[in-house]
N, C-alpha and C. Protein backbone atom coordinates (compact mmCIF):
# COMPACT_ATOMS: atom_id res chain seq x y z
N UNK A 1 14.17 -11.61 22.27
CA UNK A 1 14.30 -10.80 21.08
C UNK A 1 13.12 -9.83 21.00
N UNK A 2 13.42 -8.60 20.73
CA UNK A 2 12.39 -7.57 20.56
C UNK A 2 12.13 -7.38 19.07
N UNK A 3 10.85 -7.33 18.72
CA UNK A 3 10.46 -7.06 17.34
C UNK A 3 9.78 -5.70 17.33
N UNK A 4 10.28 -4.81 16.50
CA UNK A 4 9.71 -3.46 16.39
C UNK A 4 9.03 -3.31 15.03
N UNK A 5 7.92 -2.62 15.05
CA UNK A 5 7.27 -2.32 13.78
C UNK A 5 6.67 -0.92 13.82
N UNK A 6 6.57 -0.35 12.64
CA UNK A 6 5.94 0.95 12.46
C UNK A 6 4.73 0.71 11.57
N UNK A 7 3.62 1.39 11.89
CA UNK A 7 2.45 1.20 11.05
C UNK A 7 1.72 2.51 10.82
N UNK A 8 1.03 2.56 9.71
CA UNK A 8 0.10 3.64 9.39
C UNK A 8 -1.21 2.95 9.05
N UNK A 9 -2.27 3.34 9.71
CA UNK A 9 -3.58 2.73 9.47
C UNK A 9 -4.58 3.79 9.03
N UNK A 10 -5.42 3.40 8.10
CA UNK A 10 -6.53 4.25 7.70
C UNK A 10 -6.15 5.46 6.88
N UNK A 11 -5.10 5.35 6.09
CA UNK A 11 -4.67 6.46 5.25
C UNK A 11 -5.60 6.54 4.03
N UNK A 12 -6.39 7.62 3.95
CA UNK A 12 -7.32 7.81 2.84
C UNK A 12 -6.62 8.57 1.73
N UNK A 13 -6.68 8.00 0.53
CA UNK A 13 -6.00 8.59 -0.61
C UNK A 13 -6.86 8.44 -1.86
N UNK A 14 -6.58 9.26 -2.84
CA UNK A 14 -7.14 9.06 -4.18
C UNK A 14 -6.02 8.55 -5.05
N UNK A 15 -6.30 7.48 -5.80
CA UNK A 15 -5.30 6.88 -6.66
C UNK A 15 -5.92 6.63 -8.03
N UNK A 16 -5.12 6.81 -9.05
CA UNK A 16 -5.56 6.49 -10.42
C UNK A 16 -5.34 5.01 -10.62
N UNK A 17 -6.37 4.23 -10.31
CA UNK A 17 -6.25 2.78 -10.32
C UNK A 17 -7.59 2.15 -10.67
N UNK A 18 -7.55 1.24 -11.62
CA UNK A 18 -8.76 0.51 -11.95
C UNK A 18 -8.71 -0.10 -13.32
N UNK A 19 -9.53 -1.08 -13.52
CA UNK A 19 -9.64 -1.74 -14.81
C UNK A 19 -10.30 -0.80 -15.82
N UNK A 20 -11.23 0.01 -15.34
CA UNK A 20 -11.93 0.93 -16.22
C UNK A 20 -11.13 2.22 -16.39
N UNK A 21 -11.10 2.71 -17.62
CA UNK A 21 -10.32 3.90 -17.94
C UNK A 21 -10.72 5.11 -17.09
N UNK A 22 -12.01 5.25 -16.83
CA UNK A 22 -12.48 6.39 -16.03
C UNK A 22 -11.90 6.36 -14.61
N UNK A 23 -11.67 5.17 -14.06
CA UNK A 23 -11.06 5.06 -12.73
C UNK A 23 -9.62 5.57 -12.77
N UNK A 24 -8.93 5.29 -13.87
CA UNK A 24 -7.54 5.73 -13.99
C UNK A 24 -7.44 7.21 -14.32
N UNK A 25 -8.49 7.78 -14.91
CA UNK A 25 -8.49 9.21 -15.21
C UNK A 25 -8.92 10.04 -14.00
N UNK A 26 -10.04 9.66 -13.41
CA UNK A 26 -10.62 10.44 -12.31
C UNK A 26 -10.04 10.08 -10.95
N UNK A 27 -9.63 8.84 -10.80
CA UNK A 27 -9.13 8.37 -9.52
C UNK A 27 -10.24 7.76 -8.68
N UNK A 28 -9.85 6.92 -7.76
CA UNK A 28 -10.78 6.28 -6.83
C UNK A 28 -10.24 6.46 -5.42
N UNK A 29 -11.14 6.45 -4.47
CA UNK A 29 -10.72 6.60 -3.08
C UNK A 29 -10.33 5.24 -2.51
N UNK A 30 -9.18 5.21 -1.85
CA UNK A 30 -8.72 3.98 -1.20
C UNK A 30 -8.43 4.25 0.26
N UNK A 31 -8.39 3.18 1.01
CA UNK A 31 -7.99 3.20 2.41
C UNK A 31 -6.80 2.25 2.51
N UNK A 32 -5.69 2.74 3.05
CA UNK A 32 -4.47 1.94 3.08
C UNK A 32 -3.93 1.80 4.49
N UNK A 33 -3.50 0.58 4.81
CA UNK A 33 -2.79 0.28 6.05
C UNK A 33 -1.45 -0.32 5.66
N UNK A 34 -0.39 0.15 6.29
CA UNK A 34 0.95 -0.38 6.01
C UNK A 34 1.66 -0.63 7.33
N UNK A 35 2.25 -1.81 7.45
CA UNK A 35 3.04 -2.16 8.63
C UNK A 35 4.41 -2.62 8.15
N UNK A 36 5.46 -2.06 8.76
CA UNK A 36 6.83 -2.40 8.40
C UNK A 36 7.57 -2.81 9.67
N UNK A 37 8.09 -4.03 9.66
CA UNK A 37 8.92 -4.51 10.76
C UNK A 37 10.36 -4.54 10.26
N UNK A 38 11.24 -3.81 10.94
CA UNK A 38 12.62 -3.69 10.48
C UNK A 38 13.55 -3.50 11.67
N UNK A 39 14.77 -3.97 11.51
CA UNK A 39 15.79 -3.72 12.52
C UNK A 39 16.29 -2.28 12.43
N UNK A 40 16.08 -1.67 11.27
CA UNK A 40 16.46 -0.28 11.06
C UNK A 40 15.34 0.64 11.56
N UNK A 41 15.69 1.86 11.88
CA UNK A 41 14.69 2.86 12.28
C UNK A 41 13.85 3.24 11.07
N UNK A 42 12.55 3.15 11.20
CA UNK A 42 11.62 3.56 10.14
C UNK A 42 10.82 4.74 10.66
N UNK A 43 11.02 5.88 10.04
CA UNK A 43 10.29 7.10 10.39
C UNK A 43 8.92 7.05 9.71
N UNK A 44 7.84 7.08 10.49
CA UNK A 44 6.53 6.94 9.87
C UNK A 44 6.16 8.12 9.00
N UNK A 45 6.77 9.29 9.22
CA UNK A 45 6.52 10.41 8.31
C UNK A 45 7.17 10.14 6.95
N UNK A 46 8.37 9.55 6.97
CA UNK A 46 9.01 9.16 5.71
C UNK A 46 8.20 8.09 5.00
N UNK A 47 7.66 7.15 5.76
CA UNK A 47 6.81 6.11 5.19
C UNK A 47 5.57 6.74 4.56
N UNK A 48 4.94 7.66 5.27
CA UNK A 48 3.78 8.38 4.74
C UNK A 48 4.13 9.08 3.44
N UNK A 49 5.24 9.80 3.42
CA UNK A 49 5.64 10.53 2.23
C UNK A 49 5.91 9.60 1.05
N UNK A 50 6.51 8.45 1.33
CA UNK A 50 6.78 7.46 0.28
C UNK A 50 5.46 6.96 -0.31
N UNK A 51 4.51 6.62 0.53
CA UNK A 51 3.20 6.16 0.07
C UNK A 51 2.54 7.24 -0.78
N UNK A 52 2.53 8.45 -0.27
CA UNK A 52 1.88 9.57 -0.95
C UNK A 52 2.50 9.80 -2.33
N UNK A 53 3.81 9.75 -2.42
CA UNK A 53 4.51 9.96 -3.69
C UNK A 53 4.16 8.88 -4.70
N UNK A 54 4.19 7.63 -4.28
CA UNK A 54 3.88 6.52 -5.19
C UNK A 54 2.44 6.63 -5.69
N UNK A 55 1.52 6.92 -4.81
CA UNK A 55 0.11 7.02 -5.18
C UNK A 55 -0.12 8.18 -6.14
N UNK A 56 0.53 9.30 -5.93
CA UNK A 56 0.26 10.49 -6.73
C UNK A 56 1.03 10.58 -8.03
N UNK A 57 2.10 9.83 -8.17
CA UNK A 57 2.92 9.93 -9.39
C UNK A 57 2.75 8.76 -10.34
N UNK A 58 1.84 7.83 -10.01
CA UNK A 58 1.70 6.64 -10.83
C UNK A 58 0.24 6.34 -11.11
N UNK A 59 0.04 5.48 -12.09
CA UNK A 59 -1.29 5.00 -12.46
C UNK A 59 -1.21 3.48 -12.50
N UNK A 60 -2.24 2.82 -11.99
CA UNK A 60 -2.23 1.36 -11.89
C UNK A 60 -3.55 0.80 -12.41
N UNK A 61 -3.49 -0.40 -12.93
CA UNK A 61 -4.72 -1.10 -13.31
C UNK A 61 -5.26 -1.86 -12.11
N UNK A 62 -4.37 -2.51 -11.38
CA UNK A 62 -4.78 -3.35 -10.26
C UNK A 62 -4.21 -2.83 -8.94
N UNK A 63 -4.95 -3.02 -7.86
CA UNK A 63 -4.45 -2.66 -6.54
C UNK A 63 -3.18 -3.43 -6.20
N UNK A 64 -3.08 -4.66 -6.69
CA UNK A 64 -1.88 -5.46 -6.45
C UNK A 64 -0.63 -4.78 -7.00
N UNK A 65 -0.76 -4.12 -8.16
CA UNK A 65 0.38 -3.40 -8.74
C UNK A 65 0.82 -2.26 -7.82
N UNK A 66 -0.14 -1.53 -7.30
CA UNK A 66 0.16 -0.46 -6.35
C UNK A 66 0.86 -1.03 -5.12
N UNK A 67 0.32 -2.09 -4.56
CA UNK A 67 0.91 -2.70 -3.37
C UNK A 67 2.31 -3.21 -3.60
N UNK A 68 2.54 -3.86 -4.74
CA UNK A 68 3.87 -4.39 -5.02
C UNK A 68 4.87 -3.29 -5.32
N UNK A 69 4.43 -2.21 -5.94
CA UNK A 69 5.30 -1.06 -6.17
C UNK A 69 5.74 -0.46 -4.84
N UNK A 70 4.80 -0.29 -3.93
CA UNK A 70 5.11 0.22 -2.60
C UNK A 70 6.03 -0.74 -1.85
N UNK A 71 5.73 -2.02 -1.91
CA UNK A 71 6.55 -3.03 -1.24
C UNK A 71 8.00 -2.95 -1.71
N UNK A 72 8.22 -2.86 -3.01
CA UNK A 72 9.58 -2.81 -3.54
C UNK A 72 10.34 -1.57 -3.06
N UNK A 73 9.65 -0.44 -2.97
CA UNK A 73 10.30 0.78 -2.45
C UNK A 73 10.64 0.64 -0.97
N UNK A 74 9.73 0.06 -0.20
CA UNK A 74 9.98 -0.15 1.23
C UNK A 74 11.16 -1.09 1.43
N UNK A 75 11.19 -2.17 0.67
CA UNK A 75 12.29 -3.14 0.79
C UNK A 75 13.63 -2.49 0.45
N UNK A 76 13.65 -1.63 -0.55
CA UNK A 76 14.89 -0.96 -0.93
C UNK A 76 15.36 0.08 0.07
N UNK A 77 14.43 0.69 0.78
CA UNK A 77 14.79 1.78 1.70
C UNK A 77 15.12 1.30 3.11
N UNK A 78 14.36 0.34 3.63
CA UNK A 78 14.51 -0.02 5.04
C UNK A 78 14.93 -1.47 5.29
N UNK A 79 15.08 -2.28 4.27
CA UNK A 79 15.50 -3.68 4.43
C UNK A 79 14.70 -4.39 5.54
N UNK A 80 13.39 -4.43 5.39
CA UNK A 80 12.53 -4.94 6.46
C UNK A 80 12.58 -6.46 6.60
N UNK A 81 12.07 -6.90 7.74
CA UNK A 81 11.89 -8.33 8.00
C UNK A 81 10.49 -8.75 7.55
N UNK A 82 9.54 -7.82 7.67
CA UNK A 82 8.14 -8.11 7.35
C UNK A 82 7.45 -6.83 6.88
N UNK A 83 6.62 -6.97 5.86
CA UNK A 83 5.80 -5.85 5.39
C UNK A 83 4.39 -6.38 5.14
N UNK A 84 3.41 -5.66 5.67
CA UNK A 84 2.01 -5.99 5.41
C UNK A 84 1.34 -4.74 4.85
N UNK A 85 0.74 -4.88 3.69
CA UNK A 85 0.07 -3.77 3.02
C UNK A 85 -1.37 -4.18 2.74
N UNK A 86 -2.30 -3.39 3.24
CA UNK A 86 -3.73 -3.62 2.97
C UNK A 86 -4.26 -2.40 2.21
N UNK A 87 -4.89 -2.66 1.08
CA UNK A 87 -5.45 -1.58 0.28
C UNK A 87 -6.90 -1.92 -0.01
N UNK A 88 -7.79 -1.03 0.38
CA UNK A 88 -9.22 -1.23 0.14
C UNK A 88 -9.74 -0.11 -0.75
N UNK A 89 -10.44 -0.49 -1.78
CA UNK A 89 -11.08 0.48 -2.67
C UNK A 89 -12.45 0.80 -2.07
N UNK A 90 -12.72 2.09 -1.85
CA UNK A 90 -13.96 2.51 -1.20
C UNK A 90 -15.07 2.83 -2.19
N UNK A 91 -14.72 3.06 -3.43
CA UNK A 91 -15.73 3.36 -4.44
C UNK A 91 -15.57 2.38 -5.60
N UNK A 92 -16.67 1.76 -5.96
CA UNK A 92 -16.65 0.75 -7.02
C UNK A 92 -17.37 1.29 -8.25
N UNK A 93 -16.96 0.85 -9.43
CA UNK A 93 -17.63 1.31 -10.66
C UNK A 93 -18.90 0.50 -10.97
N UNK A 94 -19.42 -0.18 -9.97
CA UNK A 94 -20.63 -0.97 -10.16
C UNK A 94 -21.43 -0.96 -8.86
N UNK A 95 -22.71 -1.26 -8.96
CA UNK A 95 -23.56 -1.27 -7.77
C UNK A 95 -23.14 -2.43 -6.87
N UNK A 96 -23.06 -2.15 -5.58
CA UNK A 96 -22.62 -3.19 -4.65
C UNK A 96 -23.32 -3.01 -3.31
N UNK A 97 -23.20 -4.02 -2.49
CA UNK A 97 -23.79 -3.96 -1.15
C UNK A 97 -22.74 -4.16 -0.07
N UNK A 98 -21.51 -3.74 -0.36
CA UNK A 98 -20.43 -3.84 0.62
C UNK A 98 -19.72 -2.50 0.73
N UNK A 99 -19.01 -2.30 1.82
CA UNK A 99 -18.39 -1.00 2.07
C UNK A 99 -17.04 -0.83 1.40
N UNK A 100 -16.34 -1.92 1.16
CA UNK A 100 -15.03 -1.83 0.53
C UNK A 100 -14.60 -3.22 0.06
N UNK A 101 -13.65 -3.22 -0.86
CA UNK A 101 -13.04 -4.46 -1.35
C UNK A 101 -11.58 -4.16 -1.59
N UNK A 102 -10.72 -5.14 -1.42
CA UNK A 102 -9.32 -4.83 -1.59
C UNK A 102 -8.41 -6.03 -1.58
N UNK A 103 -7.14 -5.72 -1.35
CA UNK A 103 -6.10 -6.75 -1.36
C UNK A 103 -5.22 -6.59 -0.12
N UNK A 104 -4.58 -7.67 0.23
CA UNK A 104 -3.59 -7.65 1.30
C UNK A 104 -2.34 -8.34 0.77
N UNK A 105 -1.22 -7.67 0.91
CA UNK A 105 0.06 -8.23 0.49
C UNK A 105 0.90 -8.41 1.75
N UNK A 106 1.37 -9.63 1.95
CA UNK A 106 2.22 -9.93 3.10
C UNK A 106 3.54 -10.46 2.56
N UNK A 107 4.61 -9.77 2.91
CA UNK A 107 5.95 -10.18 2.49
C UNK A 107 6.79 -10.39 3.74
N UNK A 108 7.50 -11.50 3.78
CA UNK A 108 8.39 -11.78 4.90
C UNK A 108 9.74 -12.18 4.35
N UNK A 109 10.78 -11.63 4.96
CA UNK A 109 12.15 -11.92 4.53
C UNK A 109 12.44 -13.40 4.70
N UNK A 110 13.06 -13.96 3.69
CA UNK A 110 13.47 -15.36 3.72
C UNK A 110 14.96 -15.39 4.03
N UNK A 111 15.33 -15.84 5.20
CA UNK A 111 16.74 -15.84 5.62
C UNK A 111 17.59 -16.85 4.86
N UNK A 112 16.95 -17.72 4.10
CA UNK A 112 17.70 -18.73 3.36
C UNK A 112 18.35 -18.17 2.11
N UNK A 113 17.93 -16.98 1.67
CA UNK A 113 18.49 -16.42 0.44
C UNK A 113 19.61 -15.46 0.73
């Protein structure tokens, strides 16, 4: 069996996302990786455009909300077997000694349903 996947790594974006109101007004820089495994053809330019649209037309409090919103759109469009979304926030509203912090969402199709 052959497993095919399409991925985009290191997509730098500004998103209106954060617990603090100023983060949602001004936006924060994120780094996003998305991997989609599907039996259907997934055009990575379409995937890029989908990500870009979701990021630019919405506001989120948590990175998890952004990731789950993207996941639901991907599931509806390509009926994937597996989706992995990594989102790292590159700018924090507090002093820190790390380069980024973020979330990873892993979704896998359950054949039992």
